[in-house]
Structures are given as structure tokens and as C-alpha cells.
Amino acid sequence: GGESTSYADSVKGRFTISRDNAKKMQ
């Protein structure tokens, strides 16, 4: 549901993951 995200330490603070379930896109 996009309610929680996690990141590798190497990218934390620089990368952002997201999704749009209606569009079936990540």
C-alpha cells in the first residue's frame, strides 16, 4: 500500500521509492 518504505544505507537520504497502485507503476 506504499505505507512503509526501507532503504539500503548506501542510498538512504538520496533515493526515494514510491508506487501508484492505480497505474500499476513503481
PDB file of all heavy atoms in Angstrom:
ATOM      1  N   GLY A   1       0.790  -1.216   0.000  1.00  0.00           N
ATOM      2  CA  GLY A   1       0.000   0.000   0.000  1.00  0.00           C
ATOM      3  C   GLY A   1       0.826   1.273   0.000  1.00  0.00           C
ATOM      4  O   GLY A   1       0.254   2.368   0.045  1.00  0.00           O
ATOM      5  N   GLY A   2       2.128   1.145  -0.026  1.00  0.00           N
ATOM      6  CA  GLY A   2       3.008   2.301  -0.007  1.00  0.00           C
ATOM      7  C   GLY A   2       3.143   2.954   1.354  1.00  0.00           C
ATOM      8  O   GLY A   2       3.706   4.049   1.462  1.00  0.00           O
ATOM      9  N   GLU A   3       2.642   2.283   2.399  1.00  0.00           N
ATOM     10  CA  GLU A   3       2.620   2.868   3.734  1.00  0.00           C
ATOM     11  C   GLU A   3       3.961   2.808   4.447  1.00  0.00           C
ATOM     12  O   GLU A   3       4.157   3.495   5.459  1.00  0.00           O
ATOM     13  CB  GLU A   3       1.553   2.182   4.594  1.00  0.00           C
ATOM     14  CG  GLU A   3       1.854   0.737   4.987  1.00  0.00           C
ATOM     15  CD  GLU A   3       1.460  -0.278   3.930  1.00  0.00           C
ATOM     16  OE1 GLU A   3       1.154   0.122   2.784  1.00  0.00           O
ATOM     17  OE2 GLU A   3       1.454  -1.481   4.248  1.00  0.00           O
ATOM     18  N   SER A   4       4.874   1.992   3.948  1.00  0.00           N
ATOM     19  CA  SER A   4       6.170   1.839   4.591  1.00  0.00           C
ATOM     20  C   SER A   4       7.237   1.601   3.533  1.00  0.00           C
ATOM     21  O   SER A   4       7.006   0.863   2.573  1.00  0.00           O
ATOM     22  CB  SER A   4       6.144   0.673   5.579  1.00  0.00           C
ATOM     23  OG  SER A   4       7.387   0.517   6.226  1.00  0.00           O
ATOM     24  N   THR A   5       8.382   2.222   3.730  1.00  0.00           N
ATOM     25  CA  THR A   5       9.499   2.064   2.802  1.00  0.00           C
ATOM     26  C   THR A   5      10.779   1.811   3.578  1.00  0.00           C
ATOM     27  O   THR A   5      10.891   2.159   4.756  1.00  0.00           O
ATOM     28  CB  THR A   5       9.683   3.303   1.920  1.00  0.00           C
ATOM     29  OG1 THR A   5       9.936   4.447   2.749  1.00  0.00           O
ATOM     30  CG2 THR A   5       8.441   3.563   1.083  1.00  0.00           C
ATOM     31  N   SER A   6      11.753   1.213   2.916  1.00  0.00           N
ATOM     32  CA  SER A   6      13.051   0.982   3.522  1.00  0.00           C
ATOM     33  C   SER A   6      14.129   1.115   2.462  1.00  0.00           C
ATOM     34  O   SER A   6      13.864   0.950   1.261  1.00  0.00           O
ATOM     35  CB  SER A   6      13.113  -0.389   4.202  1.00  0.00           C
ATOM     36  OG  SER A   6      12.813  -1.426   3.286  1.00  0.00           O
ATOM     37  N   TYR A   7      15.356   1.409   2.913  1.00  0.00           N
ATOM     38  CA  TYR A   7      16.449   1.693   2.002  1.00  0.00           C
ATOM     39  C   TYR A   7      17.759   1.112   2.500  1.00  0.00           C
ATOM     40  O   TYR A   7      17.996   1.009   3.706  1.00  0.00           O
ATOM     41  CB  TYR A   7      16.638   3.203   1.852  1.00  0.00           C
ATOM     42  CG  TYR A   7      15.426   3.916   1.317  1.00  0.00           C
ATOM     43  CD1 TYR A   7      14.449   4.401   2.178  1.00  0.00           C
ATOM     44  CD2 TYR A   7      15.256   4.097  -0.047  1.00  0.00           C
ATOM     45  CE1 TYR A   7      13.325   5.052   1.691  1.00  0.00           C
ATOM     46  CE2 TYR A   7      14.140   4.745  -0.544  1.00  0.00           C
ATOM     47  CZ  TYR A   7      13.178   5.220   0.320  1.00  0.00           C
ATOM     48  OH  TYR A   7      12.063   5.859  -0.175  1.00  0.00           O
ATOM     49  N   ALA A   8      18.615   0.764   1.555  1.00  0.00           N
ATOM     50  CA  ALA A   8      19.981   0.425   1.900  1.00  0.00           C
ATOM     51  C   ALA A   8      20.687   1.673   2.421  1.00  0.00           C
ATOM     52  O   ALA A   8      20.392   2.795   1.996  1.00  0.00           O
ATOM     53  CB  ALA A   8      20.722  -0.115   0.677  1.00  0.00           C
ATOM     54  N   ASP A   9      21.621   1.475   3.343  1.00  0.00           N
ATOM     55  CA  ASP A   9      22.339   2.617   3.904  1.00  0.00           C
ATOM     56  C   ASP A   9      23.047   3.434   2.823  1.00  0.00           C
ATOM     57  O   ASP A   9      23.177   4.655   2.943  1.00  0.00           O
ATOM     58  CB  ASP A   9      23.367   2.140   4.930  1.00  0.00           C
ATOM     59  CG  ASP A   9      22.731   1.669   6.217  1.00  0.00           C
ATOM     60  OD1 ASP A   9      21.559   1.990   6.471  1.00  0.00           O
ATOM     61  OD2 ASP A   9      23.424   0.980   6.988  1.00  0.00           O
ATOM     62  N   SER A  10      23.481   2.785   1.775  1.00  0.00           N
ATOM     63  CA  SER A  10      24.230   3.456   0.727  1.00  0.00           C
ATOM     64  C   SER A  10      23.409   4.477  -0.059  1.00  0.00           C
ATOM     65  O   SER A  10      23.980   5.362  -0.704  1.00  0.00           O
ATOM     66  CB  SER A  10      24.829   2.428  -0.236  1.00  0.00           C
ATOM     67  OG  SER A  10      23.817   1.627  -0.822  1.00  0.00           O
ATOM     68  N   VAL A  11      22.084   4.356  -0.022  1.00  0.00           N
ATOM     69  CA  VAL A  11      21.234   5.263  -0.791  1.00  0.00           C
ATOM     70  C   VAL A  11      20.293   6.071   0.078  1.00  0.00           C
ATOM     71  O   VAL A  11      19.603   6.965  -0.431  1.00  0.00           O
ATOM     72  CB  VAL A  11      20.422   4.503  -1.857  1.00  0.00           C
ATOM     73  CG1 VAL A  11      21.334   3.660  -2.730  1.00  0.00           C
ATOM     74  CG2 VAL A  11      19.345   3.631  -1.215  1.00  0.00           C
ATOM     75  N   LYS A  12      20.252   5.795   1.351  1.00  0.00           N
ATOM     76  CA  LYS A  12      19.331   6.470   2.261  1.00  0.00           C
ATOM     77  C   LYS A  12      19.561   7.979   2.237  1.00  0.00           C
ATOM     78  O   LYS A  12      20.690   8.453   2.335  1.00  0.00           O
ATOM     79  CB  LYS A  12      19.505   5.921   3.674  1.00  0.00           C
ATOM     80  CG  LYS A  12      18.368   6.242   4.625  1.00  0.00           C
ATOM     81  CD  LYS A  12      18.536   5.473   5.939  1.00  0.00           C
ATOM     82  CE  LYS A  12      18.474   3.966   5.717  1.00  0.00           C
ATOM     83  NZ  LYS A  12      18.635   3.206   6.983  1.00  0.00           N
ATOM     84  N   GLY A  13      18.479   8.716   2.100  1.00  0.00           N
ATOM     85  CA  GLY A  13      18.555  10.163   2.034  1.00  0.00           C
ATOM     86  C   GLY A  13      18.732  10.710   0.638  1.00  0.00           C
ATOM     87  O   GLY A  13      18.550  11.918   0.422  1.00  0.00           O
ATOM     88  N   ARG A  14      19.066   9.851  -0.316  1.00  0.00           N
ATOM     89  CA  ARG A  14      19.260  10.276  -1.698  1.00  0.00           C
ATOM     90  C   ARG A  14      18.204   9.704  -2.644  1.00  0.00           C
ATOM     91  O   ARG A  14      17.821  10.357  -3.606  1.00  0.00           O
ATOM     92  CB  ARG A  14      20.648   9.864  -2.195  1.00  0.00           C
ATOM     93  CG  ARG A  14      21.785  10.469  -1.394  1.00  0.00           C
ATOM     94  CD  ARG A  14      23.136  10.178  -2.046  1.00  0.00           C
ATOM     95  NE  ARG A  14      23.426   8.744  -2.091  1.00  0.00           N
ATOM     96  CZ  ARG A  14      23.595   8.040  -3.211  1.00  0.00           C
ATOM     97  NH1 ARG A  14      23.520   8.644  -4.395  1.00  0.00           N
ATOM     98  NH2 ARG A  14      23.872   6.746  -3.156  1.00  0.00           N
ATOM     99  N   PHE A  15      17.766   8.482  -2.358  1.00  0.00           N
ATOM    100  CA  PHE A  15      16.779   7.806  -3.204  1.00  0.00           C
ATOM    101  C   PHE A  15      15.425   7.771  -2.506  1.00  0.00           C
ATOM    102  O   PHE A  15      15.343   7.679  -1.276  1.00  0.00           O
ATOM    103  CB  PHE A  15      17.199   6.366  -3.492  1.00  0.00           C
ATOM    104  CG  PHE A  15      18.394   6.206  -4.389  1.00  0.00           C
ATOM    105  CD1 PHE A  15      19.193   7.280  -4.755  1.00  0.00           C
ATOM    106  CD2 PHE A  15      18.722   4.946  -4.868  1.00  0.00           C
ATOM    107  CE1 PHE A  15      20.294   7.111  -5.577  1.00  0.00           C
ATOM    108  CE2 PHE A  15      19.821   4.767  -5.692  1.00  0.00           C
ATOM    109  CZ  PHE A  15      20.603   5.841  -6.050  1.00  0.00           C
ATOM    110  N   THR A  16      14.362   7.786  -3.302  1.00  0.00           N
ATOM    111  CA  THR A  16      13.012   7.669  -2.780  1.00  0.00           C
ATOM    112  C   THR A  16      12.221   6.687  -3.628  1.00  0.00           C
ATOM    113  O   THR A  16      12.088   6.873  -4.842  1.00  0.00           O
ATOM    114  CB  THR A  16      12.283   9.022  -2.771  1.00  0.00           C
ATOM    115  OG1 THR A  16      13.024   9.966  -1.995  1.00  0.00           O
ATOM    116  CG2 THR A  16      10.890   8.871  -2.166  1.00  0.00           C
ATOM    117  N   ILE A  17      11.704   5.643  -2.996  1.00  0.00           N
ATOM    118  CA  ILE A  17      10.865   4.680  -3.689  1.00  0.00           C
ATOM    119  C   ILE A  17       9.399   5.087  -3.508  1.00  0.00           C
ATOM    120  O   ILE A  17       9.009   5.592  -2.454  1.00  0.00           O
ATOM    121  CB  ILE A  17      11.113   3.249  -3.164  1.00  0.00           C
ATOM    122  CG1 ILE A  17      10.419   2.210  -4.050  1.00  0.00           C
ATOM    123  CG2 ILE A  17      10.682   3.102  -1.711  1.00  0.00           C
ATOM    124  CD1 ILE A  17      10.803   0.768  -3.710  1.00  0.00           C
ATOM    125  N   SER A  18       8.601   4.868  -4.537  1.00  0.00           N
ATOM    126  CA  SER A  18       7.181   5.168  -4.456  1.00  0.00           C
ATOM    127  C   SER A  18       6.418   4.255  -5.404  1.00  0.00           C
ATOM    128  O   SER A  18       7.019   3.550  -6.217  1.00  0.00           O
ATOM    129  CB  SER A  18       6.907   6.641  -4.777  1.00  0.00           C
ATOM    130  OG  SER A  18       7.310   6.950  -6.103  1.00  0.00           O
ATOM    131  N   ARG A  19       5.102   4.272  -5.288  1.00  0.00           N
ATOM    132  CA  ARG A  19       4.279   3.466  -6.179  1.00  0.00           C
ATOM    133  C   ARG A  19       2.930   4.124  -6.375  1.00  0.00           C
ATOM    134  O   ARG A  19       2.462   4.892  -5.531  1.00  0.00           O
ATOM    135  CB  ARG A  19       4.108   2.044  -5.632  1.00  0.00           C
ATOM    136  CG  ARG A  19       3.323   1.960  -4.333  1.00  0.00           C
ATOM    137  CD  ARG A  19       3.439   0.569  -3.715  1.00  0.00           C
ATOM    138  NE  ARG A  19       2.806  -0.446  -4.535  1.00  0.00           N
ATOM    139  CZ  ARG A  19       3.057  -1.751  -4.445  1.00  0.00           C
ATOM    140  NH1 ARG A  19       3.948  -2.197  -3.559  1.00  0.00           N
ATOM    141  NH2 ARG A  19       2.422  -2.605  -5.230  1.00  0.00           N
ATOM    142  N   ASP A  20       2.307   3.798  -7.494  1.00  0.00           N
ATOM    143  CA  ASP A  20       0.964   4.244  -7.811  1.00  0.00           C
ATOM    144  C   ASP A  20       0.184   2.992  -8.181  1.00  0.00           C
ATOM    145  O   ASP A  20       0.302   2.482  -9.295  1.00  0.00           O
ATOM    146  CB  ASP A  20       0.982   5.247  -8.960  1.00  0.00           C
ATOM    147  CG  ASP A  20      -0.386   5.839  -9.252  1.00  0.00           C
ATOM    148  OD1 ASP A  20      -1.406   5.177  -8.964  1.00  0.00           O
ATOM    149  OD2 ASP A  20      -0.444   6.960  -9.771  1.00  0.00           O
ATOM    150  N   ASN A  21      -0.587   2.481  -7.234  1.00  0.00           N
ATOM    151  CA  ASN A  21      -1.278   1.215  -7.457  1.00  0.00           C
ATOM    152  C   ASN A  21      -2.354   1.316  -8.531  1.00  0.00           C
ATOM    153  O   ASN A  21      -2.634   0.341  -9.228  1.00  0.00           O
ATOM    154  CB  ASN A  21      -1.866   0.698  -6.150  1.00  0.00           C
ATOM    155  CG  ASN A  21      -0.809   0.117  -5.235  1.00  0.00           C
ATOM    156  OD1 ASN A  21       0.302  -0.201  -5.669  1.00  0.00           O
ATOM    157  ND2 ASN A  21      -1.140  -0.024  -3.963  1.00  0.00           N
ATOM    158  N   ALA A  22      -2.974   2.471  -8.669  1.00  0.00           N
ATOM    159  CA  ALA A  22      -3.986   2.648  -9.699  1.00  0.00           C
ATOM    160  C   ALA A  22      -3.377   2.531 -11.091  1.00  0.00           C
ATOM    161  O   ALA A  22      -4.006   2.019 -12.014  1.00  0.00           O
ATOM    162  CB  ALA A  22      -4.687   3.988  -9.537  1.00  0.00           C
ATOM    163  N   LYS A  23      -2.149   3.009 -11.238  1.00  0.00           N
ATOM    164  CA  LYS A  23      -1.452   2.947 -12.520  1.00  0.00           C
ATOM    165  C   LYS A  23      -0.575   1.715 -12.657  1.00  0.00           C
ATOM    166  O   LYS A  23       0.002   1.488 -13.721  1.00  0.00           O
ATOM    167  CB  LYS A  23      -0.598   4.195 -12.718  1.00  0.00           C
ATOM    168  CG  LYS A  23      -1.386   5.486 -12.807  1.00  0.00           C
ATOM    169  CD  LYS A  23      -0.457   6.672 -12.999  1.00  0.00           C
ATOM    170  CE  LYS A  23      -1.236   7.967 -13.122  1.00  0.00           C
ATOM    171  NZ  LYS A  23      -0.336   9.138 -13.287  1.00  0.00           N
ATOM    172  N   LYS A  24      -0.458   0.934 -11.584  1.00  0.00           N
ATOM    173  CA  LYS A  24       0.408  -0.246 -11.547  1.00  0.00           C
ATOM    174  C   LYS A  24       1.841   0.130 -11.909  1.00  0.00           C
ATOM    175  O   LYS A  24       2.502  -0.500 -12.736  1.00  0.00           O
ATOM    176  CB  LYS A  24      -0.128  -1.349 -12.467  1.00  0.00           C
ATOM    177  CG  LYS A  24      -1.530  -1.795 -12.111  1.00  0.00           C
ATOM    178  CD  LYS A  24      -2.029  -2.929 -12.984  1.00  0.00           C
ATOM    179  CE  LYS A  24      -1.339  -4.232 -12.650  1.00  0.00           C
ATOM    180  NZ  LYS A  24      -1.948  -5.389 -13.376  1.00  0.00           N
ATOM    181  N   MET A  25       2.319   1.173 -11.254  1.00  0.00           N
ATOM    182  CA  MET A  25       3.649   1.694 -11.504  1.00  0.00           C
ATOM    183  C   MET A  25       4.446   1.797 -10.207  1.00  0.00           C
ATOM    184  O   MET A  25       3.898   2.119  -9.147  1.00  0.00           O
ATOM    185  CB  MET A  25       3.579   3.072 -12.150  1.00  0.00           C
ATOM    186  CG  MET A  25       2.977   3.095 -13.542  1.00  0.00           C
ATOM    187  SD  MET A  25       4.077   2.361 -14.781  1.00  0.00           S
ATOM    188  CE  MET A  25       5.380   3.577 -14.841  1.00  0.00           C
ATOM    189  N   GLN A  26       5.729   1.538 -10.311  1.00  0.00           N
ATOM    190  CA  GLN A  26       6.678   1.710  -9.227  1.00  0.00           C
ATOM    191  C   GLN A  26       7.764   2.658  -9.704  1.00  0.00           C
ATOM    192  O   GLN A  26       8.146   2.627 -10.881  1.00  0.00           O
ATOM    193  CB  GLN A  26       7.291   0.365  -8.837  1.00  0.00           C
ATOM    194  CG  GLN A  26       8.304   0.435  -7.703  1.00  0.00           C
ATOM    195  CD  GLN A  26       9.074  -0.863  -7.550  1.00  0.00           C
ATOM    196  OE1 GLN A  26       8.758  -1.871  -8.188  1.00  0.00           O
ATOM    197  NE2 GLN A  26      10.078  -0.863  -6.698  1.00  0.00           N
TER     198      GLN A  26
END
